[in-house]
């Protein structure tokens, strides 16, 4: 097996942050090995503790394990380029968000934001556990709504794959060279005190 990239050896923060933020990245190479139920539920437990507006907790997660009856439906939602590497994932998931407040039925303008926070918790927990967690927009959103019976009051936000690290050499050739932690823009390019001035 090829050596896995060590994110801490190629990423350096400009200011001190927790190493977990640098360790988290989105590999594609997975081993095909299953996850234990307790491991998977630890990821969802972390997601559960995300902050949300009025404590709405408007995120929902649908998932399928590989080699189970639901797998084909989830795998069939993926765009072809993502199917090329997701076949060895242990789990495929879909992130949803409730578009209205449960407390009064009014539109919730930050449902997407809050559900993204829950997914971030899940992905950081995965990094802490040494797992691959890779989010994706490359799938059929409308088909996901239809085939997974998602009510209209929920937005289909994203998909993700979870698994154990695999050998990057097993990836399609065009993906192998991308199988490394990426850098980030400097803080000065993403932060501005006062009005927009980028």
Protein backbone atom coordinates (compact mmCIF):
# COMPACT_ATOMS: atom_id res chain seq x y z
CA UNK A 1 0.00 0.00 0.00
CA UNK A 2 1.21 3.51 -0.83
CA UNK A 3 2.03 5.70 2.15
CA UNK A 4 -0.89 7.90 3.20
CA UNK A 5 -0.25 11.64 3.15
CA UNK A 6 0.22 13.14 6.60
CA UNK A 7 -1.71 16.41 6.61
CA UNK A 8 0.42 17.84 9.42
CA UNK A 9 3.56 17.38 7.32
CA UNK A 10 2.19 19.44 4.40
CA UNK A 11 -0.10 21.95 6.14
CA UNK A 12 1.02 24.74 8.41
CA UNK A 13 -1.24 27.24 10.12
CA UNK A 14 -0.17 30.89 10.20
CA UNK A 15 -1.41 31.12 13.79
CA UNK A 16 -1.80 28.47 16.51
CA UNK A 17 -4.95 26.35 16.06
CA UNK A 18 -5.90 22.88 17.23
CA UNK A 19 -4.08 20.25 15.10
CA UNK A 20 -7.42 18.58 14.31
CA UNK A 21 -8.29 21.44 11.93
CA UNK A 22 -5.16 20.71 9.89
CA UNK A 23 -5.58 16.93 10.11
CA UNK A 24 -9.07 17.03 8.59
CA UNK A 25 -9.03 16.73 4.83
CA UNK A 26 -11.06 14.87 2.21
CA UNK A 27 -9.26 11.83 0.83
CA UNK A 28 -10.93 9.55 -1.71
CA UNK A 29 -8.98 6.31 -1.25
CA UNK A 30 -10.85 3.93 1.04
CA UNK A 31 -10.16 0.33 1.97
CA UNK A 32 -13.64 -1.19 1.63
CA UNK A 33 -13.53 -2.30 5.28
CA UNK A 34 -16.80 -1.90 7.18
CA UNK A 35 -17.30 0.42 10.14
CA UNK A 36 -18.63 -0.89 13.43
CA UNK A 37 -22.05 0.45 14.44
CA UNK A 38 -20.49 2.24 17.42
CA UNK A 39 -17.96 4.01 15.19
CA UNK A 40 -20.69 5.26 12.87
CA UNK A 41 -22.89 6.39 15.75
CA UNK A 42 -19.94 8.33 17.24
CA UNK A 43 -19.91 10.43 14.05
CA UNK A 44 -23.63 11.17 14.34
CA UNK A 45 -23.24 11.86 18.07
CA UNK A 46 -20.71 14.57 17.24
CA UNK A 47 -23.09 16.03 14.64
CA UNK A 48 -25.85 16.07 17.25
CA UNK A 49 -23.94 18.58 19.39
CA UNK A 50 -23.65 21.29 16.75
CA UNK A 51 -25.07 24.74 17.54
CA UNK A 52 -28.33 25.78 15.87
CA UNK A 53 -30.76 28.69 15.78
CA UNK A 54 -33.25 28.45 18.65
CA UNK A 55 -31.80 24.96 19.20
CA UNK A 56 -33.83 23.79 16.18
CA UNK A 57 -31.35 21.02 15.35
CA UNK A 58 -32.78 21.08 11.85
CA UNK A 59 -30.24 18.68 10.33
CA UNK A 60 -31.16 15.13 9.36
CA UNK A 61 -28.85 12.42 8.07
CA UNK A 62 -29.85 9.50 5.86
CA UNK A 63 -27.27 6.77 5.29
CA UNK A 64 -26.60 3.39 3.75
CA UNK A 65 -23.86 0.87 4.48
CA UNK A 66 -22.11 -0.90 1.62
CA UNK A 67 -23.47 -4.39 0.92
CA UNK A 68 -26.88 -3.66 2.44
CA UNK A 69 -30.28 -3.29 0.72
CA UNK A 70 -30.16 0.55 0.71
CA UNK A 71 -26.65 0.87 -0.77
CA UNK A 72 -27.65 0.74 -4.45
CA UNK A 73 -30.17 3.57 -4.05
CA UNK A 74 -27.58 5.85 -2.43
CA UNK A 75 -24.76 4.85 -4.79
CA UNK A 76 -27.07 5.45 -7.77
CA UNK A 77 -27.48 9.11 -6.74
CA UNK A 78 -23.78 9.86 -7.27
CA UNK A 79 -22.37 11.46 -10.38
CA UNK A 80 -20.20 9.07 -12.36
CA UNK A 81 -16.87 10.64 -11.32
CA UNK A 82 -17.81 10.12 -7.65
CA UNK A 83 -18.96 6.56 -8.27
CA UNK A 84 -15.43 5.85 -9.51
CA UNK A 85 -14.03 6.16 -5.98
CA UNK A 86 -17.04 5.76 -3.63
CA UNK A 87 -17.41 2.05 -4.34
CA UNK A 88 -15.07 1.26 -1.43
CA UNK A 89 -16.75 3.58 1.06
CA UNK A 90 -18.19 1.88 4.13
CA UNK A 91 -21.10 4.33 4.30
CA UNK A 92 -22.77 6.86 2.03
CA UNK A 93 -24.84 9.61 3.60
CA UNK A 94 -27.16 12.46 2.64
CA UNK A 95 -27.41 15.66 4.66
CA UNK A 96 -30.84 17.29 4.88
CA UNK A 97 -32.08 20.44 6.60
CA UNK A 98 -35.56 21.42 7.73
CA UNK A 99 -36.46 24.66 5.93
CA UNK A 100 -38.99 25.94 8.48
CA UNK A 101 -38.93 26.43 12.23
CA UNK A 102 -40.64 23.65 14.16
CA UNK A 103 -41.72 26.19 16.80
CA UNK A 104 -43.86 28.34 14.45
CA UNK A 105 -43.68 27.01 10.87
CA UNK A 106 -41.98 30.19 9.58
CA UNK A 107 -39.06 29.99 7.11
CA UNK A 108 -35.70 29.38 8.77
CA UNK A 109 -33.17 31.53 6.88
CA UNK A 110 -30.16 29.64 8.29
CA UNK A 111 -31.22 26.00 7.94
CA UNK A 112 -28.39 25.34 5.48
CA UNK A 113 -25.83 27.05 7.71
CA UNK A 114 -26.87 25.06 10.78
CA UNK A 115 -26.82 21.74 8.94
CA UNK A 116 -23.36 22.58 7.63
CA UNK A 117 -22.22 23.02 11.22
CA UNK A 118 -23.54 19.56 12.08
CA UNK A 119 -21.72 18.05 9.09
CA UNK A 120 -18.50 19.83 10.15
CA UNK A 121 -18.79 18.25 13.60
CA UNK A 122 -19.22 14.86 11.92
CA UNK A 123 -16.20 15.37 9.67
CA UNK A 124 -13.96 16.57 12.52
CA UNK A 125 -14.98 13.57 14.62
CA UNK A 126 -14.09 11.36 11.68
CA UNK A 127 -10.67 12.99 11.43
CA UNK A 128 -10.12 12.47 15.16
CA UNK A 129 -10.96 8.77 14.67
CA UNK A 130 -8.61 8.43 11.71
CA UNK A 131 -11.44 7.89 9.20
CA UNK A 132 -12.05 9.26 5.72
CA UNK A 133 -15.04 11.63 5.61
CA UNK A 134 -15.54 13.25 2.20
CA UNK A 135 -18.43 15.61 1.42
CA UNK A 136 -19.84 15.88 -2.10
CA UNK A 137 -22.10 18.03 -4.25
CA UNK A 138 -21.67 15.69 -7.25
CA UNK A 139 -24.98 13.83 -7.09
CA UNK A 140 -28.56 14.13 -8.33
CA UNK A 141 -30.39 16.28 -5.76
CA UNK A 142 -33.85 15.76 -7.30
CA UNK A 143 -33.38 12.01 -7.54
CA UNK A 144 -32.26 11.96 -3.88
CA UNK A 145 -35.50 13.70 -2.88
CA UNK A 146 -37.61 11.26 -4.90
CA UNK A 147 -35.85 8.00 -4.13
CA UNK A 148 -35.25 8.69 -0.44
CA UNK A 149 -38.77 10.09 0.16
CA UNK A 150 -37.53 13.47 1.40
CA UNK A 151 -40.50 15.75 2.28
CA UNK A 152 -40.74 19.18 0.64
CA UNK A 153 -40.13 20.86 3.99
CA UNK A 154 -36.55 19.56 3.92
CA UNK A 155 -33.70 20.69 1.68
CA UNK A 156 -31.28 18.15 0.24
CA UNK A 157 -27.92 19.72 1.10
CA UNK A 158 -25.05 17.33 0.29
CA UNK A 159 -23.79 13.77 0.27
CA UNK A 160 -20.78 12.31 2.03
CA UNK A 161 -18.75 9.11 2.04
CA UNK A 162 -17.16 7.55 5.12
CA UNK A 163 -14.61 4.77 5.31
CA UNK A 164 -11.19 3.66 6.40
CA UNK A 165 -8.14 4.95 4.59
CA UNK A 166 -7.20 2.94 1.55
CA UNK A 167 -4.38 2.80 -0.95
CA UNK A 168 -4.26 5.89 -3.22
CA UNK A 169 -2.75 3.64 -5.92
CA UNK A 170 -6.18 1.98 -6.23
CA UNK A 171 -7.81 5.23 -7.34
CA UNK A 172 -8.36 6.08 -11.02
CA UNK A 173 -5.19 7.68 -12.39
CA UNK A 174 -6.65 11.19 -12.66
CA UNK A 175 -7.52 11.17 -8.94
CA UNK A 176 -4.23 9.84 -7.59
CA UNK A 177 -2.36 13.11 -8.01
CA UNK A 178 -5.15 14.97 -6.16
CA UNK A 179 -4.96 12.61 -3.15
CA UNK A 180 -3.20 15.02 -0.84
CA UNK A 181 -4.25 17.64 1.72
CA UNK A 182 -4.90 21.03 0.11
CA UNK A 183 -3.82 24.44 1.35
CA UNK A 184 -5.97 27.41 2.30
CA UNK A 185 -6.12 31.11 1.44
CA UNK A 186 -4.46 33.45 3.94
CA UNK A 187 -6.75 34.95 6.59
CA UNK A 188 -6.35 38.39 4.96
CA UNK A 189 -8.15 37.12 1.84
CA UNK A 190 -11.23 35.89 3.71
CA UNK A 191 -11.65 38.38 6.59
CA UNK A 192 -12.43 42.10 6.49
CA UNK A 193 -13.14 44.41 9.39
CA UNK A 194 -16.04 46.65 8.50
CA UNK A 195 -17.81 46.76 5.11
CA UNK A 196 -17.01 44.42 2.23
CA UNK A 197 -13.66 45.42 0.77
CA UNK A 198 -12.19 42.38 -0.95
